[in-house]
Amino acid sequence: MTADDSYDRLNDDDYPAYTMGRAAEMLGTTQGFLRALGEASLITPLRSAGGHRRYSRYQLRIAARARELVDQGTPIEAACRIIILEDQLEEAQRINAEYRRAAQATNPSIATPEG
């Protein structure tokens, strides 16, 4: 492995760099909370060669959003469902924007929602 490979992994949001203990510490939560998110299928940590859970930065952002909702009084199952729906909405909006751009490229007279 080269230094460039290591640097690339540091910038990779999906690289499972954080142990469960470190992830819980960074989020200010418990390891049990992270396990509960896994049981609710919100995040699925990768496993190290020794079987330990490893989390990516992307997964930590999702867990932080779940913690925010739970801290506001939302039950964990509902928080997980909200986050899944938010993610689906964001993806649908991204795809819709791509379709609009493609349609406008082929037919410039199509009006965009912005104007």
C-alpha atoms as a PDB file:
ATOM      1  CA  MET A   1       0.000   0.000   0.000  1.00  0.00           C
ATOM      2  CA  THR A   2       1.332   3.414  -0.922  1.00  0.00           C
ATOM      3  CA  ALA A   3       0.952   6.700   0.892  1.00  0.00           C
ATOM      4  CA  ASP A   4      -1.436   7.790  -1.883  1.00  0.00           C
ATOM      5  CA  ASP A   5      -3.664   4.763  -1.181  1.00  0.00           C
ATOM      6  CA  SER A   6      -3.792   5.657   2.520  1.00  0.00           C
ATOM      7  CA  TYR A   7      -4.590   9.277   1.718  1.00  0.00           C
ATOM      8  CA  ASP A   8      -7.383   8.227  -0.659  1.00  0.00           C
ATOM      9  CA  ARG A   9      -8.964   6.108   2.077  1.00  0.00           C
ATOM     10  CA  LEU A  10      -8.887   9.078   4.446  1.00  0.00           C
ATOM     11  CA  ASN A  11     -11.001  11.014   1.955  1.00  0.00           C
ATOM     12  CA  ASP A  12     -13.377   8.112   1.284  1.00  0.00           C
ATOM     13  CA  ASP A  13     -16.707   8.677   3.086  1.00  0.00           C
ATOM     14  CA  ASP A  14     -17.494   4.968   2.754  1.00  0.00           C
ATOM     15  CA  TYR A  15     -14.231   3.611   4.182  1.00  0.00           C
ATOM     16  CA  PRO A  16     -14.976   1.845   7.503  1.00  0.00           C
ATOM     17  CA  ALA A  17     -12.348   3.625   9.567  1.00  0.00           C
ATOM     18  CA  TYR A  18     -14.010   3.919  12.974  1.00  0.00           C
ATOM     19  CA  THR A  19     -14.427   1.258  15.630  1.00  0.00           C
ATOM     20  CA  MET A  20     -17.710   1.050  17.476  1.00  0.00           C
ATOM     21  CA  GLY A  21     -16.153   2.578  20.590  1.00  0.00           C
ATOM     22  CA  ARG A  22     -14.651   5.492  18.682  1.00  0.00           C
ATOM     23  CA  ALA A  23     -17.872   6.041  16.710  1.00  0.00           C
ATOM     24  CA  ALA A  24     -19.950   6.122  19.910  1.00  0.00           C
ATOM     25  CA  GLU A  25     -17.473   8.533  21.484  1.00  0.00           C
ATOM     26  CA  MET A  26     -17.535  10.848  18.463  1.00  0.00           C
ATOM     27  CA  LEU A  27     -21.350  10.886  18.470  1.00  0.00           C
ATOM     28  CA  GLY A  28     -21.636  11.245  22.216  1.00  0.00           C
ATOM     29  CA  THR A  29     -23.800   8.155  22.444  1.00  0.00           C
ATOM     30  CA  THR A  30     -23.553   4.554  23.567  1.00  0.00           C
ATOM     31  CA  GLN A  31     -22.447   1.484  21.680  1.00  0.00           C
ATOM     32  CA  GLY A  32     -25.922   0.103  22.356  1.00  0.00           C
ATOM     33  CA  PHE A  33     -27.410   2.994  20.382  1.00  0.00           C
ATOM     34  CA  LEU A  34     -25.230   2.078  17.404  1.00  0.00           C
ATOM     35  CA  ARG A  35     -26.267  -1.575  17.745  1.00  0.00           C
ATOM     36  CA  ALA A  36     -29.921  -0.485  17.785  1.00  0.00           C
ATOM     37  CA  LEU A  37     -29.413   1.431  14.532  1.00  0.00           C
ATOM     38  CA  GLY A  38     -27.993  -1.734  13.024  1.00  0.00           C
ATOM     39  CA  GLU A  39     -30.920  -3.811  14.309  1.00  0.00           C
ATOM     40  CA  ALA A  40     -33.298  -1.274  12.744  1.00  0.00           C
ATOM     41  CA  SER A  41     -31.367  -1.688   9.443  1.00  0.00           C
ATOM     42  CA  LEU A  42     -30.536   2.003   9.279  1.00  0.00           C
ATOM     43  CA  ILE A  43     -26.807   1.369   9.065  1.00  0.00           C
ATOM     44  CA  THR A  44     -24.924  -1.877   8.564  1.00  0.00           C
ATOM     45  CA  PRO A  45     -21.357  -1.593   9.777  1.00  0.00           C
ATOM     46  CA  LEU A  46     -18.677  -3.567   8.038  1.00  0.00           C
ATOM     47  CA  ARG A  47     -16.731  -6.094  10.052  1.00  0.00           C
ATOM     48  CA  SER A  48     -12.986  -6.190  10.579  1.00  0.00           C
ATOM     49  CA  ALA A  49     -11.066  -9.437  10.102  1.00  0.00           C
ATOM     50  CA  GLY A  50     -11.589 -10.036  13.816  1.00  0.00           C
ATOM     51  CA  GLY A  51     -15.361  -9.498  13.539  1.00  0.00           C
ATOM     52  CA  HIS A  52     -15.456  -6.032  15.108  1.00  0.00           C
ATOM     53  CA  ARG A  53     -17.890  -3.433  13.776  1.00  0.00           C
ATOM     54  CA  ARG A  54     -16.375  -0.628  11.704  1.00  0.00           C
ATOM     55  CA  TYR A  55     -18.202   2.523  10.686  1.00  0.00           C
ATOM     56  CA  SER A  56     -17.638   4.971   7.844  1.00  0.00           C
ATOM     57  CA  ARG A  57     -17.987   8.748   8.002  1.00  0.00           C
ATOM     58  CA  TYR A  58     -21.169   8.438   5.942  1.00  0.00           C
ATOM     59  CA  GLN A  59     -22.628   6.014   8.488  1.00  0.00           C
ATOM     60  CA  LEU A  60     -21.630   8.326  11.326  1.00  0.00           C
ATOM     61  CA  ARG A  61     -23.507  11.204   9.698  1.00  0.00           C
ATOM     62  CA  ILE A  62     -26.616   9.012   9.481  1.00  0.00           C
ATOM     63  CA  ALA A  63     -26.187   7.937  13.109  1.00  0.00           C
ATOM     64  CA  ALA A  64     -25.775  11.580  14.154  1.00  0.00           C
ATOM     65  CA  ARG A  65     -29.061  12.447  12.413  1.00  0.00           C
ATOM     66  CA  ALA A  66     -30.760   9.542  14.216  1.00  0.00           C
ATOM     67  CA  ARG A  67     -29.370  10.723  17.528  1.00  0.00           C
ATOM     68  CA  GLU A  68     -30.674  14.238  16.825  1.00  0.00           C
ATOM     69  CA  LEU A  69     -34.189  12.897  16.233  1.00  0.00           C
ATOM     70  CA  VAL A  70     -34.078  10.588  19.263  1.00  0.00           C
ATOM     71  CA  ASP A  71     -32.835  13.450  21.437  1.00  0.00           C
ATOM     72  CA  GLN A  72     -35.925  15.401  20.304  1.00  0.00           C
ATOM     73  CA  GLY A  73     -38.140  12.597  21.593  1.00  0.00           C
ATOM     74  CA  THR A  74     -38.675  10.552  18.442  1.00  0.00           C
ATOM     75  CA  PRO A  75     -38.709   6.788  19.050  1.00  0.00           C
ATOM     76  CA  ILE A  76     -35.676   5.121  17.482  1.00  0.00           C
ATOM     77  CA  GLU A  77     -37.749   3.051  15.027  1.00  0.00           C
ATOM     78  CA  ALA A  78     -39.545   6.188  13.824  1.00  0.00           C
ATOM     79  CA  ALA A  79     -36.260   8.107  13.603  1.00  0.00           C
ATOM     80  CA  CYS A  80     -34.805   5.382  11.412  1.00  0.00           C
ATOM     81  CA  ARG A  81     -37.860   5.431   9.147  1.00  0.00           C
ATOM     82  CA  ILE A  82     -37.712   9.229   8.861  1.00  0.00           C
ATOM     83  CA  ILE A  83     -34.048   9.084   7.854  1.00  0.00           C
ATOM     84  CA  ILE A  84     -34.709   6.375   5.273  1.00  0.00           C
ATOM     85  CA  LEU A  85     -37.546   8.460   3.793  1.00  0.00           C
ATOM     86  CA  GLU A  86     -35.386  11.598   3.786  1.00  0.00           C
ATOM     87  CA  ASP A  87     -32.685   9.681   1.919  1.00  0.00           C
ATOM     88  CA  GLN A  88     -35.190   8.338  -0.612  1.00  0.00           C
ATOM     89  CA  LEU A  89     -36.592  11.826  -1.181  1.00  0.00           C
ATOM     90  CA  GLU A  90     -33.134  13.285  -1.701  1.00  0.00           C
ATOM     91  CA  GLU A  91     -32.290  10.559  -4.225  1.00  0.00           C
ATOM     92  CA  ALA A  92     -35.585  11.064  -6.082  1.00  0.00           C
ATOM     93  CA  GLN A  93     -34.957  14.815  -6.260  1.00  0.00           C
ATOM     94  CA  ARG A  94     -31.441  14.202  -7.594  1.00  0.00           C
ATOM     95  CA  ILE A  95     -32.745  11.850 -10.292  1.00  0.00           C
ATOM     96  CA  ASN A  96     -35.546  14.277 -11.181  1.00  0.00           C
ATOM     97  CA  ALA A  97     -33.019  17.103 -11.588  1.00  0.00           C
ATOM     98  CA  GLU A  98     -30.904  14.900 -13.873  1.00  0.00           C
ATOM     99  CA  TYR A  99     -33.956  14.130 -16.024  1.00  0.00           C
ATOM    100  CA  ARG A 100     -34.801  17.836 -16.217  1.00  0.00           C
ATOM    101  CA  ARG A 101     -31.259  18.707 -17.298  1.00  0.00           C
ATOM    102  CA  ALA A 102     -31.272  15.954 -19.930  1.00  0.00           C
ATOM    103  CA  ALA A 103     -34.681  17.032 -21.246  1.00  0.00           C
ATOM    104  CA  GLN A 104     -33.587  20.657 -21.396  1.00  0.00           C
ATOM    105  CA  ALA A 105     -30.397  19.690 -23.228  1.00  0.00           C
ATOM    106  CA  THR A 106     -32.408  17.945 -25.935  1.00  0.00           C
ATOM    107  CA  ASN A 107     -35.167  20.589 -26.020  1.00  0.00           C
ATOM    108  CA  PRO A 108     -34.031  24.025 -24.745  1.00  0.00           C
ATOM    109  CA  SER A 109     -37.600  25.393 -24.896  1.00  0.00           C
ATOM    110  CA  ILE A 110     -38.585  23.266 -21.883  1.00  0.00           C
ATOM    111  CA  ALA A 111     -38.977  25.578 -18.903  1.00  0.00           C
ATOM    112  CA  THR A 112     -37.152  24.693 -15.719  1.00  0.00           C
ATOM    113  CA  PRO A 113     -38.805  25.112 -12.303  1.00  0.00           C
ATOM    114  CA  GLU A 114     -36.278  27.836 -11.488  1.00  0.00           C
ATOM    115  CA  GLY A 115     -37.338  30.031 -14.313  1.00  0.00           C
END
